Each structure stands twice: as structure tokens, then as C-alpha cells.
Amino acid sequence: MKLSQIAVVAMVTFIFAACAASKKKHKIAPPAPPVAPAVTSVPAKPIPDKSPDAPASSPASPFLFSKPADGIYAPGNDELAAIEPQYKGLKLEKLKEGYVLYAQGACTNCHNAKPIYPIPTSEWGGIIDDMSEKAMLTSAQKDAVYKYVLSIKATQPK
């Protein structure tokens, strides 16, 4: 080996040794763990239950859920009471059947459930007549959907 090569090897060895000794003298502290930001507790808004067995809310009660903006929710006693005078003997089960068909069944096989509130009550009869043929609803199912929609419209918030 030439003298120049020996000098290079010696110098590289010296540099490595110096770096190793320097690291031992100057230990770098690990970074401090990040501080979690303070979290303020915000009460969660309750999510309305849209199941057919969920009771409908009453806008007069501050403790119950407000009605969804689209008017699609399971009917309750308020909705039944709103149209029962027009349809004597009407049962809540019939309105719930209409809800299931409208929001989860035949009416949603081809499209999403349409918002109920924006459409005038006078137009719903024609819409349901037309769509019930396409959805192949029986007359009893069509009647259930119609009465469900009427009950929701009758209790629509002003």
C-alpha cells in the first residue's frame, strides 16, 4: 500500500473515532412529546331515530328531537292525531307501514326518498298514484304511503 493510501485510511479512521466520541459527549435529548390541545366538552346533538318504532317528536317539547328538515321520519301519535279525524279508525301501524314503504322500501328502489315538506299536499295524490304503479304497490300499500305523507304534511312545522 502506498503512503498516501495509508494516510487516507488513517484520516478516515480518525474522523470516525472523533465523531463517535463527540456523540457520546453531546447527547441530544429526545424531543418532548407533543402537548395535546385542551379539549372543551360540547354536548352532542341527539340524532333522531328514523326507525318505524321511534316516537315522533312534538315541536312544543324542548326535550324531544326536532323534526328533520326533509319531513322524512317515523310517524308517532302527533301525526296520527293530525289526520285521524279525516280517517276514522286509522291506526299508527298503517302510518308506520307507509313510512317503511316510503323511506326504506318500494319508493326507494329506484330513487332516494323525496323530501315531503316542499311538495304541496295537493300534489301528493297525483305523485303517489303515478309512482305506485311504477313501484307495483298494492292498493293497501298505496293507501298507507298516502296517509303517511298526509300525516307528515299535517304536522309540518310552520
Protein backbone atom coordinates (compact mmCIF):
# COMPACT_ATOMS: atom_id res chain seq x y z
CA MET A 1 0.00 0.00 0.00
CA LYS A 2 1.25 3.46 -0.79
CA LEU A 3 1.89 6.01 1.84
CA SER A 4 -0.92 8.23 0.53
CA GLN A 5 -3.44 5.40 0.85
CA ILE A 6 -2.33 4.70 4.40
CA ALA A 7 -2.73 8.37 5.25
CA VAL A 8 -6.29 8.43 3.86
CA VAL A 9 -7.27 5.30 5.82
CA ALA A 10 -5.77 6.78 8.99
CA MET A 11 -7.57 10.07 8.48
CA VAL A 12 -10.94 8.37 7.87
CA THR A 13 -10.45 6.24 10.97
CA PHE A 14 -9.58 9.34 12.98
CA ILE A 15 -12.70 11.17 11.73
CA PHE A 16 -14.97 8.24 12.63
CA ALA A 17 -13.42 7.99 16.08
CA ALA A 18 -13.80 11.73 16.65
CA CYS A 19 -17.45 11.69 15.59
CA ALA A 20 -18.23 8.75 17.85
CA ALA A 21 -16.58 10.44 20.83
CA SER A 22 -18.41 13.68 20.09
CA LYS A 23 -21.80 11.96 20.07
CA LYS A 24 -21.11 10.44 23.48
CA LYS A 25 -20.23 13.84 24.98
CA HIS A 26 -23.17 15.72 23.47
CA LYS A 27 -26.15 13.52 23.96
CA ILE A 28 -29.16 15.11 22.39
CA ALA A 29 -32.29 14.87 24.47
CA PRO A 30 -35.22 13.30 22.68
CA PRO A 31 -37.86 15.78 21.65
CA ALA A 32 -40.57 16.45 24.20
CA PRO A 33 -43.83 14.67 23.49
CA PRO A 34 -46.40 16.92 21.87
CA VAL A 35 -48.83 18.54 24.24
CA ALA A 36 -52.42 17.67 23.49
CA PRO A 37 -54.61 20.72 22.94
CA ALA A 38 -57.17 21.43 25.59
CA VAL A 39 -60.49 19.92 24.63
CA THR A 40 -63.65 21.59 25.69
CA SER A 41 -66.64 19.38 26.05
CA VAL A 42 -69.50 20.22 23.72
CA PRO A 43 -72.71 18.32 24.27
CA ALA A 44 -73.54 16.18 21.27
CA LYS A 45 -76.77 16.80 19.42
CA PRO A 46 -79.03 13.79 19.61
CA ILE A 47 -79.61 12.08 16.29
CA PRO A 48 -83.26 11.45 15.54
CA ASP A 49 -84.21 7.80 15.31
CA LYS A 50 -85.80 7.24 11.91
CA SER A 51 -86.88 3.71 12.70
CA PRO A 52 -90.57 2.89 12.40
CA ASP A 53 -90.79 2.25 16.16
CA ALA A 54 -89.33 5.61 17.17
CA PRO A 55 -91.82 8.07 18.61
CA ALA A 56 -92.23 11.23 16.61
CA SER A 57 -91.30 14.42 18.32
CA SER A 58 -93.52 17.25 19.29
CA PRO A 59 -92.26 20.74 18.48
CA ALA A 60 -93.76 22.00 21.74
CA SER A 61 -91.48 19.82 23.83
CA PRO A 62 -87.93 21.10 24.37
CA PHE A 63 -86.73 17.64 25.41
CA LEU A 64 -87.53 15.74 22.25
CA PHE A 65 -85.85 15.82 18.88
CA SER A 66 -86.86 18.36 16.30
CA LYS A 67 -88.32 17.12 13.06
CA PRO A 68 -85.93 16.58 10.15
CA ALA A 69 -85.88 19.33 7.54
CA ASP A 70 -86.95 16.93 4.78
CA GLY A 71 -90.02 15.67 6.64
CA ILE A 72 -88.97 12.03 6.40
CA TYR A 73 -89.29 10.40 9.81
CA ALA A 74 -91.25 7.68 11.53
CA PRO A 75 -94.74 8.83 12.44
CA GLY A 76 -95.96 8.92 16.00
CA ASN A 77 -99.06 9.84 17.93
CA ASP A 78 -98.88 13.50 16.85
CA GLU A 79 -99.09 12.51 13.19
CA LEU A 80 -101.89 10.03 13.85
CA ALA A 81 -103.90 12.62 15.79
CA ALA A 82 -103.45 15.16 12.99
CA ILE A 83 -105.27 13.09 10.36
CA GLU A 84 -107.33 10.64 12.40
CA PRO A 85 -110.42 12.90 12.25
CA GLN A 86 -110.35 12.57 8.43
CA TYR A 87 -109.77 8.81 8.52
CA LYS A 88 -111.76 7.32 11.41
CA GLY A 89 -110.24 4.13 12.79
CA LEU A 90 -106.81 4.84 11.32
CA LYS A 91 -104.07 3.09 13.29
CA LEU A 92 -100.48 4.16 13.87
CA GLU A 93 -99.34 0.84 12.35
CA LYS A 94 -100.80 1.94 9.00
CA LEU A 95 -98.77 5.16 9.09
CA LYS A 96 -95.64 3.23 10.06
CA GLU A 97 -96.21 0.85 7.14
CA GLY A 98 -96.42 3.88 4.86
CA TYR A 99 -93.19 5.24 6.33
CA VAL A 100 -91.35 1.97 5.74
CA LEU A 101 -92.57 1.79 2.14
CA TYR A 102 -91.74 5.44 1.51
CA ALA A 103 -88.38 5.77 3.26
CA GLN A 104 -86.96 2.25 3.19
CA GLY A 105 -88.92 0.11 0.78
CA ALA A 106 -90.62 0.27 -2.60
CA CYS A 107 -90.28 4.03 -3.02
CA THR A 108 -86.51 3.89 -2.62
CA ASN A 109 -85.86 1.01 -5.00
CA CYS A 110 -85.41 3.45 -7.90
CA HIS A 111 -84.57 6.74 -6.18
CA ASN A 112 -83.96 8.30 -2.78
CA ALA A 113 -86.97 9.25 -0.71
CA LYS A 114 -88.08 12.69 -1.83
CA PRO A 115 -88.42 15.43 0.80
CA ILE A 116 -92.05 15.66 1.88
CA TYR A 117 -92.26 19.22 3.18
CA PRO A 118 -91.52 21.19 -0.02
CA ILE A 119 -94.22 19.47 -2.10
CA PRO A 120 -97.73 20.87 -1.58
CA THR A 121 -100.31 18.50 -0.10
CA SER A 122 -102.48 18.93 -3.20
CA GLU A 123 -99.78 17.38 -5.41
CA TRP A 124 -99.11 14.26 -3.36
CA GLY A 125 -102.17 12.34 -4.57
CA GLY A 126 -101.05 12.52 -8.20
CA ILE A 127 -97.44 11.74 -7.34
CA ILE A 128 -98.39 8.68 -5.31
CA ASP A 129 -100.85 7.49 -7.99
CA ASP A 130 -98.15 7.71 -10.65
CA MET A 131 -95.32 6.26 -8.61
CA SER A 132 -97.36 3.44 -7.03
CA GLU A 133 -97.87 1.93 -10.49
CA LYS A 134 -94.13 2.02 -11.20
CA ALA A 135 -93.36 0.55 -7.76
CA MET A 136 -96.13 -2.04 -8.20
CA LEU A 137 -97.74 -1.21 -4.85
CA THR A 138 -100.98 -2.84 -3.84
CA SER A 139 -103.90 -0.53 -3.16
CA ALA A 140 -103.41 -1.07 0.60
CA GLN A 141 -99.72 -0.13 0.33
CA LYS A 142 -100.55 2.92 -1.78
CA ASP A 143 -103.11 3.97 0.84
CA ALA A 144 -100.53 3.54 3.62
CA VAL A 145 -97.98 5.72 1.81
CA TYR A 146 -100.60 8.38 1.06
CA LYS A 147 -101.80 8.57 4.66
CA TYR A 148 -98.21 8.61 5.93
CA VAL A 149 -97.38 11.59 3.70
CA LEU A 150 -100.60 13.39 4.69
CA SER A 151 -99.82 12.87 8.37
CA ILE A 152 -96.34 14.34 7.94
CA LYS A 153 -97.70 17.30 5.97
CA ALA A 154 -100.39 17.87 8.63
CA THR A 155 -97.74 18.22 11.33
CA GLN A 156 -95.24 20.16 9.22
CA PRO A 157 -93.60 22.94 11.25
CA LYS A 158 -94.67 26.38 10.11
